[in-house]
Amino acid sequence: MNARQLEIFHAVMKSGTITGAASFLGISQPAVSKAMRAIERSLGFRLLRPVKGRLYPTPEAQRLLPDADRIMGELSAFERLTGEVKTGGAGLVRVVASSASATALLPAAAASFQKANPAVRLSSHLLPARGVAEAVAAGEADFGLTLSPVQLPGLTVRTLGAARMVCIAPTDHPLLDRETVSPRDLASHPLISFGRETHFGQLLDQAFERAGVRRETRLQVTMSIVAACYVQRGLGVALVDSFTLKSGLTGLGCRPFEPAIVLPVTLMSPGDHLLSRHAANLVSSIEKILQAWTRSPVADRPGGVAATTTPRRPLRKAK
């Protein structure tokens, strides 16, 4: 069944009559009837059966209808997209991102991007770093953002900027009296952190080992934003990427973690073609947000505190 035959079959099934299909398609009834007979011959089974002078779909035709609906919907979407590309009008940018890249960086960039490009639609999906790389490599997204570098064949990888690891705690927590927080400072506090098999977990293990301290995790997570939600509930303190503080969470304070752990913001794109104009513009918006955050990084400023309704206590010297 070719595309034109599929269109005729779908019109007959949706309208319920040869006459209705002919009217919808703008062709004659004999042309629709002839096309349906040709389709049946090519398939090797009947699609319509006569009952008391009327034609009714066979069970085989009914089984084909859901997939016909789906394909016709995809064809319509493709036709709309080609029209948009031709006229330079509305478009779609598909982005996959991990953790705080999806919950903080991308929303901040999308806000400014859509002000300048109100007709462009965005599709955003949250995936683990490996899933981001696989989705981009498979052509399921225009580009991906992660803080955990992943290399796969067919990907172009570029660093846009960096975050750093910070310690977050409730605003009345004694760790916030310090200028920075070290592995030894965390030894006596319940720690919400990443598993040893994750990229962040491995970086933290290395930092703790250099300090001669074992990293004891009270509550294990896979994403910084999840860790921050547990900290809000008073279940402990956490080491997360500094972008997490830009996600709009309240009631949290932060201090830089020492030794410093820098997390590169990695852009992944298909290696065989350039980004579309709209995708490239969104990447430019992301870079501008990163530049702004670098100029005034909450997490890198001693005494910096995330958005909160609780006043920060004056700093006291660490004992």
Foldseek 3Di string as FASTA:
>chain_A
DDPVLLLLLQLCVVQVALVRSCVVVVHDSVVSVVSQVVVCVVVVHHQWDDDPRGTDGDPVSVVCNVVSVVVVVVVVVVVVQVVCVVVVAEEEAEEEEEFLCQQFLLVQLVVVLCVVRVRYHYHYYYDPPVVQQVCQQVVVGQKYKYLADDDDPQKDKDFLAKWKKKKKAFQVDPVLLELGDELVNCQPWAEEEEDCVDPRNVVVCVRCVVVVHGDDHPHHDDHPLVRVVVRVVVNIMYIHTLSSLRNPDARMFIHAYPPMDMGTIMMMGGPPDDRDPSNVSSVVSSSVVNVVCVVPPLHHGRSRTGHYPDDHDHRDYDD
